[in-house]
């Protein structure tokens, strides 16, 4: 099981690393890619065709990346809005308000860790091992 974390620019890498760390804790293979929906849409389209089970797309401002990625794949896409301007509300609305037929899951602003946990939950639908790890994680969080 593999997750791609796609960021629109190098400035988003820190959030990608937060997601990567969570995925690694669960033993989920992960790779970070830099691909802008506006500057390199062909690269985004190629990534959508690669052998990943879930995509996490981190983007700010117009936050087109998650939607463009979702338009090229039938696999789950989780959008992480970045706070760049307008307290991240512009990016959140761009991700949450996708047109019918192109769904993108949205997590909170700068919530890369939650995006990774959601990806693990999606993968856990097919993996008893991941379900057990999620249960253990929840118990640890409860203290």
Protein backbone atom coordinates (compact mmCIF):
# COMPACT_ATOMS: atom_id res chain seq x y z
CA UNK A 1 0.00 0.00 0.00
CA UNK A 2 1.38 3.34 -1.08
CA UNK A 3 0.48 6.98 -0.55
CA UNK A 4 1.67 9.90 -2.64
CA UNK A 5 1.98 13.25 -0.92
CA UNK A 6 1.91 15.93 -3.59
CA UNK A 7 2.78 19.54 -2.88
CA UNK A 8 2.40 22.50 -5.21
CA UNK A 9 5.79 23.98 -4.36
CA UNK A 10 8.87 23.44 -2.23
CA UNK A 11 7.47 25.87 0.34
CA UNK A 12 4.85 23.19 1.20
CA UNK A 13 7.45 20.51 1.94
CA UNK A 14 7.37 20.98 5.73
CA UNK A 15 3.71 19.95 5.83
CA UNK A 16 4.44 17.04 3.52
CA UNK A 17 7.08 15.84 5.96
CA UNK A 18 4.51 15.89 8.78
CA UNK A 19 2.26 13.60 6.75
CA UNK A 20 5.20 11.42 5.76
CA UNK A 21 6.18 10.94 9.41
CA UNK A 22 2.69 9.75 10.37
CA UNK A 23 2.53 7.36 7.43
CA UNK A 24 5.93 5.93 8.32
CA UNK A 25 4.77 5.35 11.91
CA UNK A 26 2.05 3.10 10.49
CA UNK A 27 4.43 1.36 8.11
CA UNK A 28 2.77 2.83 5.03
CA UNK A 29 5.02 3.45 2.05
CA UNK A 30 5.03 7.11 1.08
CA UNK A 31 6.67 9.35 -1.47
CA UNK A 32 6.63 13.15 -1.66
CA UNK A 33 6.35 14.86 -5.05
CA UNK A 34 6.46 18.53 -6.01
CA UNK A 35 4.04 19.27 -8.86
CA UNK A 36 2.13 22.49 -9.45
CA UNK A 37 -1.36 22.27 -10.92
CA UNK A 38 -0.74 25.59 -12.66
CA UNK A 39 2.93 25.42 -13.64
CA UNK A 40 3.16 21.72 -14.48
CA UNK A 41 -0.29 20.16 -14.97
CA UNK A 42 1.16 17.39 -17.13
CA UNK A 43 3.28 16.18 -14.20
CA UNK A 44 0.19 16.17 -11.96
CA UNK A 45 -1.67 14.08 -14.54
CA UNK A 46 1.24 11.62 -14.77
CA UNK A 47 1.38 11.28 -10.97
CA UNK A 48 -2.34 10.47 -10.91
CA UNK A 49 -1.64 7.46 -13.13
CA UNK A 50 1.13 6.06 -10.93
CA UNK A 51 0.69 3.08 -8.63
CA UNK A 52 -0.54 4.79 -5.46
CA UNK A 53 -3.57 3.81 -3.40
CA UNK A 54 -4.30 7.24 -1.91
CA UNK A 55 -3.15 10.76 -2.75
CA UNK A 56 -2.63 13.61 -0.30
CA UNK A 57 -2.45 16.99 -2.04
CA UNK A 58 -1.22 20.02 -0.09
CA UNK A 59 -1.93 23.43 -1.60
CA UNK A 60 -2.52 27.04 -0.69
CA UNK A 61 -4.14 30.07 -2.27
CA UNK A 62 -6.37 28.84 -5.13
CA UNK A 63 -5.54 25.27 -4.03
CA UNK A 64 -6.26 23.76 -7.44
CA UNK A 65 -3.87 20.83 -6.94
CA UNK A 66 -6.25 18.42 -5.13
CA UNK A 67 -9.01 18.94 -7.68
CA UNK A 68 -6.73 18.62 -10.69
CA UNK A 69 -5.27 15.43 -9.23
CA UNK A 70 -8.78 14.07 -8.54
CA UNK A 71 -9.82 14.81 -12.13
CA UNK A 72 -7.16 12.38 -13.35
CA UNK A 73 -7.75 9.44 -10.98
CA UNK A 74 -10.51 7.36 -9.44
CA UNK A 75 -8.46 6.84 -6.28
CA UNK A 76 -9.09 8.83 -3.10
CA UNK A 77 -7.60 12.33 -2.94
CA UNK A 78 -7.29 14.14 0.38
CA UNK A 79 -6.77 17.88 0.16
CA UNK A 80 -4.82 19.81 2.78
CA UNK A 81 -5.41 23.56 2.56
CA UNK A 82 -2.38 25.66 3.44
CA UNK A 83 -2.48 28.93 5.29
CA UNK A 84 -0.81 31.37 2.93
CA UNK A 85 -3.30 34.25 2.86
CA UNK A 86 -6.77 34.84 4.24
CA UNK A 87 -5.96 32.48 7.14
CA UNK A 88 -6.16 29.57 4.68
CA UNK A 89 -9.89 30.01 4.13
CA UNK A 90 -9.39 30.58 0.40
CA UNK A 91 -7.61 27.24 0.06
CA UNK A 92 -10.12 25.44 2.31
CA UNK A 93 -13.07 26.63 0.24
CA UNK A 94 -11.31 25.74 -3.02
CA UNK A 95 -10.77 22.19 -1.82
CA UNK A 96 -14.13 21.68 -0.09
CA UNK A 97 -16.27 23.15 -2.88
CA UNK A 98 -15.43 20.75 -5.69
CA UNK A 99 -18.02 20.31 -8.44
CA UNK A 100 -20.21 17.20 -8.50
CA UNK A 101 -18.40 14.18 -9.86
CA UNK A 102 -14.90 15.22 -8.74
CA UNK A 103 -14.85 14.53 -5.00
CA UNK A 104 -11.93 15.55 -2.82
CA UNK A 105 -11.80 14.90 0.91
CA UNK A 106 -10.77 17.99 2.86
CA UNK A 107 -9.08 18.19 6.23
CA UNK A 108 -8.42 21.28 8.31
CA UNK A 109 -6.06 24.07 7.39
CA UNK A 110 -2.43 22.88 7.63
CA UNK A 111 -3.67 19.51 8.97
CA UNK A 112 -1.25 17.24 7.16
CA UNK A 113 -1.15 14.83 10.11
CA UNK A 114 -4.92 14.34 9.93
CA UNK A 115 -4.66 13.83 6.18
CA UNK A 116 -2.15 11.05 6.79
CA UNK A 117 -4.39 9.47 9.43
CA UNK A 118 -7.34 9.61 7.03
CA UNK A 119 -5.21 7.93 4.37
CA UNK A 120 -4.34 5.19 6.86
CA UNK A 121 -8.04 4.73 7.65
CA UNK A 122 -8.82 4.37 3.95
CA UNK A 123 -6.05 1.80 3.55
CA UNK A 124 -7.20 0.00 6.70
CA UNK A 125 -10.41 -0.97 4.90
CA UNK A 126 -8.24 -3.59 3.19
CA UNK A 127 -5.75 -4.30 5.98
CA UNK A 128 -6.41 -5.87 9.35
CA UNK A 129 -2.87 -4.97 10.40
CA UNK A 130 -3.52 -1.27 9.81
CA UNK A 131 -6.87 -1.48 11.64
CA UNK A 132 -5.05 -2.85 14.68
CA UNK A 133 -2.41 -0.13 14.49
CA UNK A 134 -5.17 2.51 14.31
CA UNK A 135 -6.84 1.03 17.41
CA UNK A 136 -3.53 1.16 19.27
CA UNK A 137 -2.97 4.74 18.13
CA UNK A 138 -6.40 5.77 19.39
CA UNK A 139 -5.76 4.14 22.75
CA UNK A 140 -2.45 5.99 23.09
CA UNK A 141 -4.20 9.27 22.33
CA UNK A 142 -6.77 8.63 25.04
CA UNK A 143 -3.91 8.38 27.50
